[in-house]
Amino acid sequence: MVIFKPKPNYLKAIAAIVLIAAIVFAAAYATTSVGTRGADEAAKNVEISLNRAVARCYAAEGAYPPGLDYIAEKYGVNPDPERYIVHYEYFGANLLPAITVIPADPERSQA
């Protein structure tokens, strides 16, 4: 009597390995994406804080602040230069300055 041994089904094993690899890759990608988004969100919050300080200065003093040092000294908003690159363009006492804040290093800005 001949006993048939079932052939191992390698296709299911390969599919399981591919599925696990895809899940691990998706989790790693999501973690990296969230970290970058967090750094961008933090930079946006710093920009909002600077704009509010500029508006407070104009309301209280009748002129926009001439620079970031003035904002830090009078209004206490002082972004960390190691975490953010801040571009502050002053046009004059009566014109709203242009403020742009970007993360200096997205991975490092999360801490």
PDB file of N, CA and C in Angstrom:
ATOM      1  N   MET A   1       0.829  -1.152   0.000  1.00  0.00           N
ATOM      2  CA  MET A   1       0.000   0.000   0.000  1.00  0.00           C
ATOM      3  C   MET A   1       0.896   1.246   0.000  1.00  0.00           C
ATOM      4  N   VAL A   2       0.546   2.200  -0.822  1.00  0.00           N
ATOM      5  CA  VAL A   2       1.314   3.415  -0.986  1.00  0.00           C
ATOM      6  C   VAL A   2       0.630   4.531  -0.194  1.00  0.00           C
ATOM      7  N   ILE A   3       1.406   5.166   0.661  1.00  0.00           N
ATOM      8  CA  ILE A   3       0.868   6.285   1.439  1.00  0.00           C
ATOM      9  C   ILE A   3       1.391   7.568   0.805  1.00  0.00           C
ATOM     10  N   PHE A   4       0.445   8.416   0.488  1.00  0.00           N
ATOM     11  CA  PHE A   4       0.830   9.689  -0.126  1.00  0.00           C
ATOM     12  C   PHE A   4       1.110  10.714   0.971  1.00  0.00           C
ATOM     13  N   LYS A   5       2.255  11.296   0.864  1.00  0.00           N
ATOM     14  CA  LYS A   5       2.585  12.375   1.785  1.00  0.00           C
ATOM     15  C   LYS A   5       2.166  13.687   1.137  1.00  0.00           C
ATOM     16  N   PRO A   6       1.428  14.496   1.852  1.00  0.00           N
ATOM     17  CA  PRO A   6       1.056  15.775   1.246  1.00  0.00           C
ATOM     18  C   PRO A   6       2.299  16.643   1.063  1.00  0.00           C
ATOM     19  N   LYS A   7       2.335  17.316  -0.058  1.00  0.00           N
ATOM     20  CA  LYS A   7       3.453  18.223  -0.326  1.00  0.00           C
ATOM     21  C   LYS A   7       3.310  19.453   0.561  1.00  0.00           C
ATOM     22  N   PRO A   8       4.421  19.906   1.105  1.00  0.00           N
ATOM     23  CA  PRO A   8       4.324  21.118   1.915  1.00  0.00           C
ATOM     24  C   PRO A   8       3.871  22.291   1.039  1.00  0.00           C
ATOM     25  N   ASN A   9       3.029  23.127   1.623  1.00  0.00           N
ATOM     26  CA  ASN A   9       2.501  24.263   0.880  1.00  0.00           C
ATOM     27  C   ASN A   9       3.354  25.490   1.191  1.00  0.00           C
ATOM     28  N   TYR A  10       4.352  25.711   0.379  1.00  0.00           N
ATOM     29  CA  TYR A  10       5.271  26.825   0.578  1.00  0.00           C
ATOM     30  C   TYR A  10       4.620  28.157   0.251  1.00  0.00           C
ATOM     31  N   LEU A  11       3.595  28.131  -0.553  1.00  0.00           N
ATOM     32  CA  LEU A  11       2.944  29.375  -0.956  1.00  0.00           C
ATOM     33  C   LEU A  11       2.328  30.097   0.249  1.00  0.00           C
ATOM     34  N   LYS A  12       1.715  29.341   1.156  1.00  0.00           N
ATOM     35  CA  LYS A  12       1.135  29.958   2.353  1.00  0.00           C
ATOM     36  C   LYS A  12       2.218  30.539   3.248  1.00  0.00           C
ATOM     37  N   ALA A  13       3.322  29.845   3.385  1.00  0.00           N
ATOM     38  CA  ALA A  13       4.423  30.333   4.214  1.00  0.00           C
ATOM     39  C   ALA A  13       5.019  31.609   3.633  1.00  0.00           C
ATOM     40  N   ILE A  14       5.200  31.633   2.332  1.00  0.00           N
ATOM     41  CA  ILE A  14       5.751  32.827   1.669  1.00  0.00           C
ATOM     42  C   ILE A  14       4.780  33.996   1.806  1.00  0.00           C
ATOM     43  N   ALA A  15       3.486  33.742   1.641  1.00  0.00           N
ATOM     44  CA  ALA A  15       2.483  34.797   1.775  1.00  0.00           C
ATOM     45  C   ALA A  15       2.481  35.357   3.201  1.00  0.00           C
ATOM     46  N   ALA A  16       2.626  34.491   4.196  1.00  0.00           N
ATOM     47  CA  ALA A  16       2.656  34.947   5.585  1.00  0.00           C
ATOM     48  C   ALA A  16       3.887  35.813   5.846  1.00  0.00           C
ATOM     49  N   ILE A  17       5.026  35.408   5.323  1.00  0.00           N
ATOM     50  CA  ILE A  17       6.260  36.184   5.502  1.00  0.00           C
ATOM     51  C   ILE A  17       6.143  37.543   4.823  1.00  0.00           C
ATOM     52  N   VAL A  18       5.589  37.581   3.634  1.00  0.00           N
ATOM     53  CA  VAL A  18       5.405  38.842   2.917  1.00  0.00           C
ATOM     54  C   VAL A  18       4.431  39.741   3.677  1.00  0.00           C
ATOM     55  N   LEU A  19       3.377  39.185   4.214  1.00  0.00           N
ATOM     56  CA  LEU A  19       2.401  39.963   4.975  1.00  0.00           C
ATOM     57  C   LEU A  19       3.033  40.557   6.236  1.00  0.00           C
ATOM     58  N   ILE A  20       3.806  39.772   6.953  1.00  0.00           N
ATOM     59  CA  ILE A  20       4.476  40.266   8.153  1.00  0.00           C
ATOM     60  C   ILE A  20       5.473  41.365   7.799  1.00  0.00           C
ATOM     61  N   ALA A  21       6.229  41.184   6.716  1.00  0.00           N
ATOM     62  CA  ALA A  21       7.187  42.202   6.285  1.00  0.00           C
ATOM     63  C   ALA A  21       6.466  43.498   5.909  1.00  0.00           C
ATOM     64  N   ALA A  22       5.317  43.383   5.263  1.00  0.00           N
ATOM     65  CA  ALA A  22       4.552  44.575   4.879  1.00  0.00           C
ATOM     66  C   ALA A  22       4.044  45.314   6.107  1.00  0.00           C
ATOM     67  N   ILE A  23       3.598  44.568   7.108  1.00  0.00           N
ATOM     68  CA  ILE A  23       3.110  45.203   8.340  1.00  0.00           C
ATOM     69  C   ILE A  23       4.249  45.924   9.054  1.00  0.00           C
ATOM     70  N   VAL A  24       5.410  45.297   9.143  1.00  0.00           N
ATOM     71  CA  VAL A  24       6.565  45.930   9.790  1.00  0.00           C
ATOM     72  C   VAL A  24       6.985  47.186   9.027  1.00  0.00           C
ATOM     73  N   PHE A  25       7.019  47.120   7.708  1.00  0.00           N
ATOM     74  CA  PHE A  25       7.379  48.282   6.888  1.00  0.00           C
ATOM     75  C   PHE A  25       6.375  49.415   7.075  1.00  0.00           C
ATOM     76  N   ALA A  26       5.088  49.083   7.087  1.00  0.00           N
ATOM     77  CA  ALA A  26       4.053  50.109   7.254  1.00  0.00           C
ATOM     78  C   ALA A  26       4.168  50.776   8.628  1.00  0.00           C
ATOM     79  N   ALA A  27       4.460  49.998   9.658  1.00  0.00           N
ATOM     80  CA  ALA A  27       4.604  50.572  11.003  1.00  0.00           C
ATOM     81  C   ALA A  27       5.817  51.492  11.072  1.00  0.00           C
ATOM     82  N   ALA A  28       6.922  51.085  10.457  1.00  0.00           N
ATOM     83  CA  ALA A  28       8.124  51.930  10.454  1.00  0.00           C
ATOM     84  C   ALA A  28       7.874  53.224   9.689  1.00  0.00           C
ATOM     85  N   TYR A  29       7.202  53.137   8.566  1.00  0.00           N
ATOM     86  CA  TYR A  29       6.908  54.327   7.767  1.00  0.00           C
ATOM     87  C   TYR A  29       5.977  55.274   8.527  1.00  0.00           C
ATOM     88  N   ALA A  30       4.963  54.717   9.192  1.00  0.00           N
ATOM     89  CA  ALA A  30       4.018  55.555   9.941  1.00  0.00           C
ATOM     90  C   ALA A  30       4.719  56.273  11.087  1.00  0.00           C
ATOM     91  N   THR A  31       5.633  55.599  11.755  1.00  0.00           N
ATOM     92  CA  THR A  31       6.361  56.219  12.866  1.00  0.00           C
ATOM     93  C   THR A  31       7.208  57.378  12.370  1.00  0.00           C
ATOM     94  N   THR A  32       7.892  57.205  11.264  1.00  0.00           N
ATOM     95  CA  THR A  32       8.714  58.272  10.695  1.00  0.00           C
ATOM     96  C   THR A  32       7.847  59.435  10.237  1.00  0.00           C
ATOM     97  N   SER A  33       6.728  59.141   9.621  1.00  0.00           N
ATOM     98  CA  SER A  33       5.829  60.180   9.130  1.00  0.00           C
ATOM     99  C   SER A  33       5.260  61.012  10.276  1.00  0.00           C
ATOM    100  N   VAL A  34       4.890  60.360  11.363  1.00  0.00           N
ATOM    101  CA  VAL A  34       4.339  61.072  12.514  1.00  0.00           C
ATOM    102  C   VAL A  34       5.400  61.979  13.121  1.00  0.00           C
ATOM    103  N   GLY A  35       6.651  61.527  13.196  1.00  0.00           N
ATOM    104  CA  GLY A  35       7.728  62.348  13.750  1.00  0.00           C
ATOM    105  C   GLY A  35       7.954  63.613  12.951  1.00  0.00           C
ATOM    106  N   THR A  36       7.937  63.511  11.648  1.00  0.00           N
ATOM    107  CA  THR A  36       8.129  64.680  10.798  1.00  0.00           C
ATOM    108  C   THR A  36       6.944  65.634  10.928  1.00  0.00           C
ATOM    109  N   ARG A  37       5.758  65.075  10.978  1.00  0.00           N
ATOM    110  CA  ARG A  37       4.579  65.908  11.136  1.00  0.00           C
ATOM    111  C   ARG A  37       4.613  66.644  12.466  1.00  0.00           C
ATOM    112  N   GLY A  38       5.102  65.991  13.503  1.00  0.00           N
ATOM    113  CA  GLY A  38       5.205  66.620  14.813  1.00  0.00           C
ATOM    114  C   GLY A  38       6.161  67.796  14.802  1.00  0.00           C
ATOM    115  N   ALA A  39       7.279  67.656  14.107  1.00  0.00           N
ATOM    116  CA  ALA A  39       8.247  68.746  14.007  1.00  0.00           C
ATOM    117  C   ALA A  39       7.659  69.922  13.237  1.00  0.00           C
ATOM    118  N   ASP A  40       6.930  69.637  12.168  1.00  0.00           N
ATOM    119  CA  ASP A  40       6.290  70.705  11.398  1.00  0.00           C
ATOM    120  C   ASP A  40       5.228  71.418  12.233  1.00  0.00           C
ATOM    121  N   GLU A  41       4.493  70.641  13.021  1.00  0.00           N
ATOM    122  CA  GLU A  41       3.455  71.220  13.875  1.00  0.00           C
ATOM    123  C   GLU A  41       4.076  72.111  14.955  1.00  0.00           C
ATOM    124  N   ALA A  42       5.192  71.679  15.522  1.00  0.00           N
ATOM    125  CA  ALA A  42       5.876  72.481  16.543  1.00  0.00           C
ATOM    126  C   ALA A  42       6.383  73.791  15.944  1.00  0.00           C
ATOM    127  N   ALA A  43       6.931  73.734  14.737  1.00  0.00           N
ATOM    128  CA  ALA A  43       7.404  74.949  14.069  1.00  0.00           C
ATOM    129  C   ALA A  43       6.234  75.896  13.793  1.00  0.00           C
ATOM    130  N   LYS A  44       5.100  75.338  13.428  1.00  0.00           N
ATOM    131  CA  LYS A  44       3.911  76.164  13.175  1.00  0.00           C
ATOM    132  C   LYS A  44       3.463  76.848  14.464  1.00  0.00           C
ATOM    133  N   ASN A  45       3.541  76.133  15.592  1.00  0.00           N
ATOM    134  CA  ASN A  45       3.169  76.729  16.875  1.00  0.00           C
ATOM    135  C   ASN A  45       4.112  77.864  17.264  1.00  0.00           C
ATOM    136  N   VAL A  46       5.396  77.716  16.983  1.00  0.00           N
ATOM    137  CA  VAL A  46       6.359  78.790  17.259  1.00  0.00           C
ATOM    138  C   VAL A  46       6.031  80.002  16.391  1.00  0.00           C
ATOM    139  N   GLU A  47       5.698  79.761  15.138  1.00  0.00           N
ATOM    140  CA  GLU A  47       5.343  80.860  14.234  1.00  0.00           C
ATOM    141  C   GLU A  47       4.091  81.594  14.727  1.00  0.00           C
ATOM    142  N   ILE A  48       3.104  80.844  15.203  1.00  0.00           N
ATOM    143  CA  ILE A  48       1.881  81.461  15.738  1.00  0.00           C
ATOM    144  C   ILE A  48       2.217  82.303  16.970  1.00  0.00           C
ATOM    145  N   SER A  49       3.084  81.782  17.845  1.00  0.00           N
ATOM    146  CA  SER A  49       3.477  82.534  19.044  1.00  0.00           C
ATOM    147  C   SER A  49       4.187  83.833  18.682  1.00  0.00           C
ATOM    148  N   LEU A  50       5.059  83.774  17.693  1.00  0.00           N
ATOM    149  CA  LEU A  50       5.759  84.987  17.250  1.00  0.00           C
ATOM    150  C   LEU A  50       4.776  86.004  16.668  1.00  0.00           C
ATOM    151  N   ASN A  51       3.829  85.530  15.864  1.00  0.00           N
ATOM    152  CA  ASN A  51       2.840  86.446  15.279  1.00  0.00           C
ATOM    153  C   ASN A  51       1.968  87.092  16.354  1.00  0.00           C
ATOM    154  N   ARG A  52       1.635  86.332  17.390  1.00  0.00           N
ATOM    155  CA  ARG A  52       0.846  86.905  18.481  1.00  0.00           C
ATOM    156  C   ARG A  52       1.649  87.958  19.247  1.00  0.00           C
ATOM    157  N   ALA A  53       2.930  87.678  19.469  1.00  0.00           N
ATOM    158  CA  ALA A  53       3.781  88.656  20.162  1.00  0.00           C
ATOM    159  C   ALA A  53       3.922  89.925  19.331  1.00  0.00           C
ATOM    160  N   VAL A  54       4.032  89.783  18.018  1.00  0.00           N
ATOM    161  CA  VAL A  54       4.123  90.945  17.123  1.00  0.00           C
ATOM    162  C   VAL A  54       2.836  91.767  17.205  1.00  0.00           C
ATOM    163  N   ALA A  55       1.693  91.088  17.210  1.00  0.00           N
ATOM    164  CA  ALA A  55       0.404  91.795  17.296  1.00  0.00           C
ATOM    165  C   ALA A  55       0.261  92.497  18.650  1.00  0.00           C
ATOM    166  N   ARG A  56       0.694  91.835  19.739  1.00  0.00           N
ATOM    167  CA  ARG A  56       0.644  92.464  21.064  1.00  0.00           C
ATOM    168  C   ARG A  56       1.527  93.703  21.111  1.00  0.00           C
ATOM    169  N   CYS A  57       2.690  93.603  20.504  1.00  0.00           N
ATOM    170  CA  CYS A  57       3.609  94.744  20.478  1.00  0.00           C
ATOM    171  C   CYS A  57       2.975  95.919  19.735  1.00  0.00           C
ATOM    172  N   TYR A  58       2.374  95.641  18.591  1.00  0.00           N
ATOM    173  CA  TYR A  58       1.753  96.716  17.812  1.00  0.00           C
ATOM    174  C   TYR A  58       0.590  97.340  18.577  1.00  0.00           C
ATOM    175  N   ALA A  59      -0.181  96.493  19.269  1.00  0.00           N
ATOM    176  CA  ALA A  59      -1.323  97.015  20.032  1.00  0.00           C
ATOM    177  C   ALA A  59      -0.860  97.866  21.214  1.00  0.00           C
ATOM    178  N   ALA A  60       0.206  97.447  21.872  1.00  0.00           N
ATOM    179  CA  ALA A  60       0.665  98.155  23.071  1.00  0.00           C
ATOM    180  C   ALA A  60       1.520  99.374  22.748  1.00  0.00           C
ATOM    181  N   GLU A  61       2.367  99.255  21.711  1.00  0.00           N
ATOM    182  CA  GLU A  61       3.355 100.305  21.454  1.00  0.00           C
ATOM    183  C   GLU A  61       3.088 101.114  20.194  1.00  0.00           C
ATOM    184  N   GLY A  62       2.185 100.652  19.340  1.00  0.00           N
ATOM    185  CA  GLY A  62       1.871 101.388  18.118  1.00  0.00           C
ATOM    186  C   GLY A  62       2.878 101.178  16.999  1.00  0.00           C
ATOM    187  N   ALA A  63       3.787 100.225  17.170  1.00  0.00           N
ATOM    188  CA  ALA A  63       4.786  99.921  16.135  1.00  0.00           C
ATOM    189  C   ALA A  63       5.136  98.442  16.236  1.00  0.00           C
ATOM    190  N   TYR A  64       5.507  97.884  15.108  1.00  0.00           N
ATOM    191  CA  TYR A  64       5.922  96.485  15.098  1.00  0.00           C
ATOM    192  C   TYR A  64       7.341  96.364  15.634  1.00  0.00           C
ATOM    193  N   PRO A  65       7.680  95.226  16.269  1.00  0.00           N
ATOM    194  CA  PRO A  65       9.029  95.069  16.819  1.00  0.00           C
ATOM    195  C   PRO A  65      10.076  95.004  15.712  1.00  0.00           C
ATOM    196  N   PRO A  66      11.230  95.632  15.926  1.00  0.00           N
ATOM    197  CA  PRO A  66      12.251  95.681  14.874  1.00  0.00           C
ATOM    198  C   PRO A  66      13.015  94.378  14.668  1.00  0.00           C
ATOM    199  N   GLY A  67      12.951  93.452  15.632  1.00  0.00           N
ATOM    200  CA  GLY A  67      13.696  92.204  15.461  1.00  0.00           C
ATOM    201  C   GLY A  67      13.314  91.161  16.492  1.00  0.00           C
ATOM    202  N   LEU A  68      13.882  89.986  16.325  1.00  0.00           N
ATOM    203  CA  LEU A  68      13.592  88.881  17.229  1.00  0.00           C
ATOM    204  C   LEU A  68      14.113  89.131  18.639  1.00  0.00           C
ATOM    205  N   ASP A  69      15.237  89.836  18.753  1.00  0.00           N
ATOM    206  CA  ASP A  69      15.782  90.135  20.074  1.00  0.00           C
ATOM    207  C   ASP A  69      14.806  90.984  20.884  1.00  0.00           C
ATOM    208  N   TYR A  70      14.175  91.935  20.235  1.00  0.00           N
ATOM    209  CA  TYR A  70      13.202  92.796  20.901  1.00  0.00           C
ATOM    210  C   TYR A  70      12.004  91.976  21.385  1.00  0.00           C
ATOM    211  N   ILE A  71      11.539  91.046  20.548  1.00  0.00           N
ATOM    212  CA  ILE A  71      10.402  90.194  20.922  1.00  0.00           C
ATOM    213  C   ILE A  71      10.773  89.318  22.118  1.00  0.00           C
ATOM    214  N   ALA A  72      11.976  88.763  22.097  1.00  0.00           N
ATOM    215  CA  ALA A  72      12.416  87.902  23.201  1.00  0.00           C
ATOM    216  C   ALA A  72      12.539  88.699  24.497  1.00  0.00           C
ATOM    217  N   GLU A  73      13.075  89.909  24.398  1.00  0.00           N
ATOM    218  CA  GLU A  73      13.300  90.735  25.589  1.00  0.00           C
ATOM    219  C   GLU A  73      11.984  91.235  26.186  1.00  0.00           C
ATOM    220  N   LYS A  74      11.097  91.769  25.350  1.00  0.00           N
ATOM    221  CA  LYS A  74       9.884  92.423  25.843  1.00  0.00           C
ATOM    222  C   LYS A  74       8.693  91.476  26.022  1.00  0.00           C
ATOM    223  N   TYR A  75       8.621  90.412  25.198  1.00  0.00           N
ATOM    224  CA  TYR A  75       7.423  89.574  25.176  1.00  0.00           C
ATOM    225  C   TYR A  75       7.698  88.110  25.504  1.00  0.00           C
ATOM    226  N   GLY A  76       8.948  87.749  25.726  1.00  0.00           N
ATOM    227  CA  GLY A  76       9.288  86.418  26.208  1.00  0.00           C
ATOM    228  C   GLY A  76       9.182  85.285  25.210  1.00  0.00           C
ATOM    229  N   VAL A  77       9.041  85.584  23.945  1.00  0.00           N
ATOM    230  CA  VAL A  77       8.987  84.526  22.925  1.00  0.00           C
ATOM    231  C   VAL A  77      10.378  84.414  22.316  1.00  0.00           C
ATOM    232  N   ASN A  78      11.049  83.308  22.624  1.00  0.00           N
ATOM    233  CA  ASN A  78      12.428  83.124  22.189  1.00  0.00           C
ATOM    234  C   ASN A  78      12.611  81.708  21.647  1.00  0.00           C
ATOM    235  N   PRO A  79      12.409  81.492  20.334  1.00  0.00           N
ATOM    236  CA  PRO A  79      12.551  80.152  19.764  1.00  0.00           C
ATOM    237  C   PRO A  79      13.995  79.654  19.872  1.00  0.00           C
ATOM    238  N   ASP A  80      14.147  78.366  20.129  1.00  0.00           N
ATOM    239  CA  ASP A  80      15.462  77.743  20.245  1.00  0.00           C
ATOM    240  C   ASP A  80      16.144  77.739  18.875  1.00  0.00           C
ATOM    241  N   PRO A  81      17.298  78.430  18.728  1.00  0.00           N
ATOM    242  CA  PRO A  81      17.952  78.491  17.419  1.00  0.00           C
ATOM    243  C   PRO A  81      18.529  77.143  16.957  1.00  0.00           C
ATOM    244  N   GLU A  82      18.691  76.194  17.885  1.00  0.00           N
ATOM    245  CA  GLU A  82      19.167  74.871  17.483  1.00  0.00           C
ATOM    246  C   GLU A  82      18.038  74.011  16.925  1.00  0.00           C
ATOM    247  N   ARG A  83      16.799  74.345  17.276  1.00  0.00           N
ATOM    248  CA  ARG A  83      15.659  73.557  16.811  1.00  0.00           C
ATOM    249  C   ARG A  83      14.910  74.187  15.643  1.00  0.00           C
ATOM    250  N   TYR A  84      14.979  75.534  15.530  1.00  0.00           N
ATOM    251  CA  TYR A  84      14.190  76.229  14.508  1.00  0.00           C
ATOM    252  C   TYR A  84      15.038  77.257  13.767  1.00  0.00           C
ATOM    253  N   ILE A  85      14.740  77.392  12.496  1.00  0.00           N
ATOM    254  CA  ILE A  85      15.304  78.469  11.691  1.00  0.00           C
ATOM    255  C   ILE A  85      14.184  79.496  11.540  1.00  0.00           C
ATOM    256  N   VAL A  86      14.428  80.698  12.045  1.00  0.00           N
ATOM    257  CA  VAL A  86      13.409  81.747  12.023  1.00  0.00           C
ATOM    258  C   VAL A  86      13.867  82.853  11.085  1.00  0.00           C
ATOM    259  N   HIS A  87      13.012  83.158  10.114  1.00  0.00           N
ATOM    260  CA  HIS A  87      13.278  84.273   9.198  1.00  0.00           C
ATOM    261  C   HIS A  87      12.305  85.390   9.569  1.00  0.00           C
ATOM    262  N   TYR A  88      12.855  86.510  10.020  1.00  0.00           N
ATOM    263  CA  TYR A  88      12.046  87.657  10.435  1.00  0.00           C
ATOM    264  C   TYR A  88      12.439  88.826   9.558  1.00  0.00           C
ATOM    265  N   GLU A  89      11.511  89.254   8.730  1.00  0.00           N
ATOM    266  CA  GLU A  89      11.802  90.350   7.802  1.00  0.00           C
ATOM    267  C   GLU A  89      10.998  91.583   8.217  1.00  0.00           C
ATOM    268  N   TYR A  90      11.717  92.589   8.685  1.00  0.00           N
ATOM    269  CA  TYR A  90      11.128  93.825   9.177  1.00  0.00           C
ATOM    270  C   TYR A  90      11.082  94.842   8.052  1.00  0.00           C
ATOM    271  N   PHE A  91       9.882  95.357   7.777  1.00  0.00           N
ATOM    272  CA  PHE A  91       9.712  96.317   6.687  1.00  0.00           C
ATOM    273  C   PHE A  91       9.605  97.748   7.180  1.00  0.00           C
ATOM    274  N   GLY A  92       9.226  97.930   8.422  1.00  0.00           N
ATOM    275  CA  GLY A  92       9.052  99.260   8.986  1.00  0.00           C
ATOM    276  C   GLY A  92       8.098  99.193  10.157  1.00  0.00           C
ATOM    277  N   ALA A  93       8.006 100.296  10.886  1.00  0.00           N
ATOM    278  CA  ALA A  93       7.201 100.325  12.102  1.00  0.00           C
ATOM    279  C   ALA A  93       5.713 100.104  11.837  1.00  0.00           C
ATOM    280  N   ASN A  94       5.233 100.489  10.637  1.00  0.00           N
ATOM    281  CA  ASN A  94       3.799 100.408  10.342  1.00  0.00           C
ATOM    282  C   ASN A  94       3.419  99.173   9.531  1.00  0.00           C
ATOM    283  N   LEU A  95       4.389  98.396   9.069  1.00  0.00           N
ATOM    284  CA  LEU A  95       4.102  97.252   8.202  1.00  0.00           C
ATOM    285  C   LEU A  95       4.369  95.939   8.934  1.00  0.00           C
ATOM    286  N   LEU A  96       3.437  95.021   8.798  1.00  0.00           N
ATOM    287  CA  LEU A  96       3.544  93.722   9.449  1.00  0.00           C
ATOM    288  C   LEU A  96       4.784  92.971   8.946  1.00  0.00           C
ATOM    289  N   PRO A  97       5.658  92.532   9.843  1.00  0.00           N
ATOM    290  CA  PRO A  97       6.844  91.801   9.407  1.00  0.00           C
ATOM    291  C   PRO A  97       6.473  90.401   8.904  1.00  0.00           C
ATOM    292  N   ALA A  98       7.288  89.888   7.998  1.00  0.00           N
ATOM    293  CA  ALA A  98       7.107  88.527   7.493  1.00  0.00           C
ATOM    294  C   ALA A  98       7.868  87.578   8.410  1.00  0.00           C
ATOM    295  N   ILE A  99       7.175  86.565   8.920  1.00  0.00           N
ATOM    296  CA  ILE A  99       7.789  85.603   9.837  1.00  0.00           C
ATOM    297  C   ILE A  99       7.620  84.203   9.259  1.00  0.00           C
ATOM    298  N   THR A 100       8.733  83.487   9.139  1.00  0.00           N
ATOM    299  CA  THR A 100       8.720  82.102   8.682  1.00  0.00           C
ATOM    300  C   THR A 100       9.552  81.272   9.653  1.00  0.00           C
ATOM    301  N   VAL A 101       9.006  80.149  10.087  1.00  0.00           N
ATOM    302  CA  VAL A 101       9.717  79.251  11.006  1.00  0.00           C
ATOM    303  C   VAL A 101       9.716  77.853  10.401  1.00  0.00           C
ATOM    304  N   ILE A 102      10.897  77.252  10.308  1.00  0.00           N
ATOM    305  CA  ILE A 102      11.013  75.881   9.844  1.00  0.00           C
ATOM    306  C   ILE A 102      11.886  75.098  10.821  1.00  0.00           C
ATOM    307  N   PRO A 103      11.649  73.801  10.948  1.00  0.00           N
ATOM    308  CA  PRO A 103      12.502  72.998  11.836  1.00  0.00           C
ATOM    309  C   PRO A 103      13.925  72.927  11.290  1.00  0.00           C
ATOM    310  N   ALA A 104      14.916  73.099  12.154  1.00  0.00           N
ATOM    311  CA  ALA A 104      16.307  73.003  11.718  1.00  0.00           C
ATOM    312  C   ALA A 104      16.650  71.563  11.374  1.00  0.00           C
ATOM    313  N   ASP A 105      16.154  70.614  12.174  1.00  0.00           N
ATOM    314  CA  ASP A 105      16.381  69.193  11.953  1.00  0.00           C
ATOM    315  C   ASP A 105      15.122  68.469  12.416  1.00  0.00           C
ATOM    316  N   PRO A 106      14.286  67.959  11.496  1.00  0.00           N
ATOM    317  CA  PRO A 106      12.995  67.388  11.883  1.00  0.00           C
ATOM    318  C   PRO A 106      13.091  66.277  12.945  1.00  0.00           C
ATOM    319  N   GLU A 107      14.110  65.408  12.899  1.00  0.00           N
ATOM    320  CA  GLU A 107      14.207  64.349  13.894  1.00  0.00           C
ATOM    321  C   GLU A 107      14.523  64.920  15.269  1.00  0.00           C
ATOM    322  N   ARG A 108      15.330  65.955  15.317  1.00  0.00           N
ATOM    323  CA  ARG A 108      15.770  66.514  16.574  1.00  0.00           C
ATOM    324  C   ARG A 108      14.725  67.424  17.207  1.00  0.00           C
ATOM    325  N   SER A 109      13.844  68.006  16.399  1.00  0.00           N
ATOM    326  CA  SER A 109      12.862  68.967  16.890  1.00  0.00           C
ATOM    327  C   SER A 109      11.796  68.327  17.762  1.00  0.00           C
ATOM    328  N   GLN A 110      11.653  67.025  17.712  1.00  0.00           N
ATOM    329  CA  GLN A 110      10.623  66.352  18.495  1.00  0.00           C
ATOM    330  C   GLN A 110      10.922  66.386  19.990  1.00  0.00           C
ATOM    331  N   ALA A 111      12.170  66.342  20.348  1.00  0.00           N
ATOM    332  CA  ALA A 111      12.543  66.205  21.760  1.00  0.00           C
ATOM    333  C   ALA A 111      12.119  67.385  22.590  1.00  0.00           C
TER     334      ALA A 111
END
